[in-house]
Amino acid sequence: MRKPRKRSFAELVSENKSQLLKDRDAIEKIEQRLENKRLGKAE
């Protein structure tokens, strides 16, 4: 049996990015969080 190969950080980041781009709800949640953060700093 082969030992499973560990994925590099860059591979994990690209995999996570592709999953997020497919997930519309997650994108909207992130955008809302960023908007709230910007509004908080503006005050």
PDB file of N, CA and C in Angstrom:
ATOM      1  N   MET A   1       0.832  -1.193   0.000  1.00  0.00           N
ATOM      2  CA  MET A   1       0.000   0.000   0.000  1.00  0.00           C
ATOM      3  C   MET A   1       0.873   1.252   0.000  1.00  0.00           C
ATOM      4  N   ARG A   2       0.443   2.225  -0.781  1.00  0.00           N
ATOM      5  CA  ARG A   2       1.184   3.486  -0.833  1.00  0.00           C
ATOM      6  C   ARG A   2       0.764   4.420   0.277  1.00  0.00           C
ATOM      7  N   LYS A   3       1.722   5.163   0.756  1.00  0.00           N
ATOM      8  CA  LYS A   3       1.435   6.155   1.777  1.00  0.00           C
ATOM      9  C   LYS A   3       0.788   7.369   1.101  1.00  0.00           C
ATOM     10  N   PRO A   4      -0.315   7.894   1.659  1.00  0.00           N
ATOM     11  CA  PRO A   4      -0.939   9.065   1.023  1.00  0.00           C
ATOM     12  C   PRO A   4       0.009  10.264   1.024  1.00  0.00           C
ATOM     13  N   ARG A   5       0.072  10.936  -0.122  1.00  0.00           N
ATOM     14  CA  ARG A   5       0.961  12.082  -0.277  1.00  0.00           C
ATOM     15  C   ARG A   5       0.348  13.297   0.397  1.00  0.00           C
ATOM     16  N   LYS A   6       1.173  14.009   1.167  1.00  0.00           N
ATOM     17  CA  LYS A   6       0.688  15.231   1.805  1.00  0.00           C
ATOM     18  C   LYS A   6       0.624  16.334   0.770  1.00  0.00           C
ATOM     19  N   ARG A   7      -0.463  17.104   0.829  1.00  0.00           N
ATOM     20  CA  ARG A   7      -0.636  18.198  -0.120  1.00  0.00           C
ATOM     21  C   ARG A   7       0.074  19.441   0.391  1.00  0.00           C
ATOM     22  N   SER A   8       0.610  20.216  -0.546  1.00  0.00           N
ATOM     23  CA  SER A   8       1.292  21.446  -0.162  1.00  0.00           C
ATOM     24  C   SER A   8       0.257  22.509   0.186  1.00  0.00           C
ATOM     25  N   PHE A   9       0.720  23.559   0.855  1.00  0.00           N
ATOM     26  CA  PHE A   9      -0.168  24.648   1.239  1.00  0.00           C
ATOM     27  C   PHE A   9      -0.813  25.277  -0.002  1.00  0.00           C
ATOM     28  N   ALA A  10      -0.032  25.479  -1.054  1.00  0.00           N
ATOM     29  CA  ALA A  10      -0.559  26.086  -2.283  1.00  0.00           C
ATOM     30  C   ALA A  10      -1.674  25.231  -2.886  1.00  0.00           C
ATOM     31  N   GLU A  11      -1.512  23.910  -2.835  1.00  0.00           N
ATOM     32  CA  GLU A  11      -2.553  23.028  -3.362  1.00  0.00           C
ATOM     33  C   GLU A  11      -3.832  23.142  -2.541  1.00  0.00           C
ATOM     34  N   LEU A  12      -3.675  23.216  -1.217  1.00  0.00           N
ATOM     35  CA  LEU A  12      -4.845  23.344  -0.344  1.00  0.00           C
ATOM     36  C   LEU A  12      -5.565  24.666  -0.589  1.00  0.00           C
ATOM     37  N   VAL A  13      -4.789  25.748  -0.773  1.00  0.00           N
ATOM     38  CA  VAL A  13      -5.382  27.061  -1.027  1.00  0.00           C
ATOM     39  C   VAL A  13      -6.155  27.053  -2.337  1.00  0.00           C
ATOM     40  N   SER A  14      -5.569  26.501  -3.385  1.00  0.00           N
ATOM     41  CA  SER A  14      -6.259  26.490  -4.688  1.00  0.00           C
ATOM     42  C   SER A  14      -7.509  25.614  -4.637  1.00  0.00           C
ATOM     43  N   GLU A  15      -7.453  24.517  -3.906  1.00  0.00           N
ATOM     44  CA  GLU A  15      -8.629  23.650  -3.775  1.00  0.00           C
ATOM     45  C   GLU A  15      -9.745  24.379  -3.022  1.00  0.00           C
ATOM     46  N   ASN A  16      -9.377  25.076  -1.937  1.00  0.00           N
ATOM     47  CA  ASN A  16     -10.347  25.829  -1.154  1.00  0.00           C
ATOM     48  C   ASN A  16     -10.957  26.951  -1.989  1.00  0.00           C
ATOM     49  N   LYS A  17     -10.138  27.626  -2.773  1.00  0.00           N
ATOM     50  CA  LYS A  17     -10.611  28.717  -3.623  1.00  0.00           C
ATOM     51  C   LYS A  17     -11.622  28.208  -4.637  1.00  0.00           C
ATOM     52  N   SER A  18     -11.333  27.087  -5.268  1.00  0.00           N
ATOM     53  CA  SER A  18     -12.258  26.558  -6.274  1.00  0.00           C
ATOM     54  C   SER A  18     -13.581  26.144  -5.637  1.00  0.00           C
ATOM     55  N   GLN A  19     -13.531  25.595  -4.423  1.00  0.00           N
ATOM     56  CA  GLN A  19     -14.760  25.225  -3.723  1.00  0.00           C
ATOM     57  C   GLN A  19     -15.575  26.468  -3.378  1.00  0.00           C
ATOM     58  N   LEU A  20     -14.890  27.525  -2.934  1.00  0.00           N
ATOM     59  CA  LEU A  20     -15.593  28.758  -2.585  1.00  0.00           C
ATOM     60  C   LEU A  20     -16.245  29.395  -3.807  1.00  0.00           C
ATOM     61  N   LEU A  21     -15.552  29.379  -4.935  1.00  0.00           N
ATOM     62  CA  LEU A  21     -16.109  29.988  -6.140  1.00  0.00           C
ATOM     63  C   LEU A  21     -17.376  29.269  -6.598  1.00  0.00           C
ATOM     64  N   LYS A  22     -17.503  27.998  -6.266  1.00  0.00           N
ATOM     65  CA  LYS A  22     -18.701  27.235  -6.623  1.00  0.00           C
ATOM     66  C   LYS A  22     -19.836  27.484  -5.626  1.00  0.00           C
ATOM     67  N   ASP A  23     -19.496  27.945  -4.415  1.00  0.00           N
ATOM     68  CA  ASP A  23     -20.475  28.088  -3.333  1.00  0.00           C
ATOM     69  C   ASP A  23     -20.926  29.543  -3.213  1.00  0.00           C
ATOM     70  N   ARG A  24     -22.048  29.856  -3.823  1.00  0.00           N
ATOM     71  CA  ARG A  24     -22.560  31.239  -3.871  1.00  0.00           C
ATOM     72  C   ARG A  24     -22.857  31.787  -2.466  1.00  0.00           C
ATOM     73  N   ASP A  25     -23.435  30.959  -1.585  1.00  0.00           N
ATOM     74  CA  ASP A  25     -23.769  31.417  -0.227  1.00  0.00           C
ATOM     75  C   ASP A  25     -22.526  31.834   0.539  1.00  0.00           C
ATOM     76  N   ALA A  26     -21.462  31.057   0.409  1.00  0.00           N
ATOM     77  CA  ALA A  26     -20.225  31.382   1.117  1.00  0.00           C
ATOM     78  C   ALA A  26     -19.649  32.697   0.609  1.00  0.00           C
ATOM     79  N   ILE A  27     -19.712  32.933  -0.683  1.00  0.00           N
ATOM     80  CA  ILE A  27     -19.200  34.181  -1.256  1.00  0.00           C
ATOM     81  C   ILE A  27     -19.987  35.364  -0.712  1.00  0.00           C
ATOM     82  N   GLU A  28     -21.310  35.232  -0.661  1.00  0.00           N
ATOM     83  CA  GLU A  28     -22.144  36.324  -0.161  1.00  0.00           C
ATOM     84  C   GLU A  28     -21.859  36.595   1.311  1.00  0.00           C
ATOM     85  N   LYS A  29     -21.632  35.545   2.089  1.00  0.00           N
ATOM     86  CA  LYS A  29     -21.330  35.704   3.508  1.00  0.00           C
ATOM     87  C   LYS A  29     -20.013  36.464   3.697  1.00  0.00           C
ATOM     88  N   ILE A  30     -19.007  36.115   2.900  1.00  0.00           N
ATOM     89  CA  ILE A  30     -17.702  36.772   2.979  1.00  0.00           C
ATOM     90  C   ILE A  30     -17.822  38.242   2.577  1.00  0.00           C
ATOM     91  N   GLU A  31     -18.566  38.506   1.490  1.00  0.00           N
ATOM     92  CA  GLU A  31     -18.750  39.889   1.046  1.00  0.00           C
ATOM     93  C   GLU A  31     -19.443  40.718   2.117  1.00  0.00           C
ATOM     94  N   GLN A  32     -20.446  40.149   2.765  1.00  0.00           N
ATOM     95  CA  GLN A  32     -21.175  40.857   3.828  1.00  0.00           C
ATOM     96  C   GLN A  32     -20.242  41.169   4.992  1.00  0.00           C
ATOM     97  N   ARG A  33     -19.416  40.208   5.366  1.00  0.00           N
ATOM     98  CA  ARG A  33     -18.474  40.400   6.467  1.00  0.00           C
ATOM     99  C   ARG A  33     -17.476  41.521   6.147  1.00  0.00           C
ATOM    100  N   LEU A  34     -16.971  41.522   4.909  1.00  0.00           N
ATOM    101  CA  LEU A  34     -16.025  42.569   4.492  1.00  0.00           C
ATOM    102  C   LEU A  34     -16.695  43.949   4.491  1.00  0.00           C
ATOM    103  N   GLU A  35     -17.930  43.990   4.026  1.00  0.00           N
ATOM    104  CA  GLU A  35     -18.659  45.258   3.982  1.00  0.00           C
ATOM    105  C   GLU A  35     -18.871  45.796   5.399  1.00  0.00           C
ATOM    106  N   ASN A  36     -19.261  44.924   6.324  1.00  0.00           N
ATOM    107  CA  ASN A  36     -19.449  45.339   7.710  1.00  0.00           C
ATOM    108  C   ASN A  36     -18.158  45.839   8.321  1.00  0.00           C
ATOM    109  N   LYS A  37     -17.055  45.191   7.980  1.00  0.00           N
ATOM    110  CA  LYS A  37     -15.754  45.579   8.487  1.00  0.00           C
ATOM    111  C   LYS A  37     -15.371  46.973   7.979  1.00  0.00           C
ATOM    112  N   ARG A  38     -15.620  47.219   6.680  1.00  0.00           N
ATOM    113  CA  ARG A  38     -15.318  48.546   6.094  1.00  0.00           C
ATOM    114  C   ARG A  38     -16.181  49.625   6.730  1.00  0.00           C
ATOM    115  N   LEU A  39     -17.471  49.331   6.951  1.00  0.00           N
ATOM    116  CA  LEU A  39     -18.363  50.314   7.543  1.00  0.00           C
ATOM    117  C   LEU A  39     -17.949  50.627   8.982  1.00  0.00           C
ATOM    118  N   GLY A  40     -17.494  49.626   9.698  1.00  0.00           N
ATOM    119  CA  GLY A  40     -17.041  49.825  11.077  1.00  0.00           C
ATOM    120  C   GLY A  40     -15.815  50.723  11.145  1.00  0.00           C
ATOM    121  N   LYS A  41     -14.921  50.587  10.199  1.00  0.00           N
ATOM    122  CA  LYS A  41     -13.708  51.410  10.183  1.00  0.00           C
ATOM    123  C   LYS A  41     -14.010  52.837   9.745  1.00  0.00           C
ATOM    124  N   ALA A  42     -15.074  53.009   8.921  1.00  0.00           N
ATOM    125  CA  ALA A  42     -15.420  54.337   8.413  1.00  0.00           C
ATOM    126  C   ALA A  42     -15.996  55.231   9.512  1.00  0.00           C
ATOM    127  N   GLU A  43     -16.577  54.631  10.520  1.00  0.00           N
ATOM    128  CA  GLU A  43     -17.215  55.422  11.587  1.00  0.00           C
ATOM    129  C   GLU A  43     -16.212  56.042  12.520  1.00  0.00           C
TER     130      GLU A  43
END
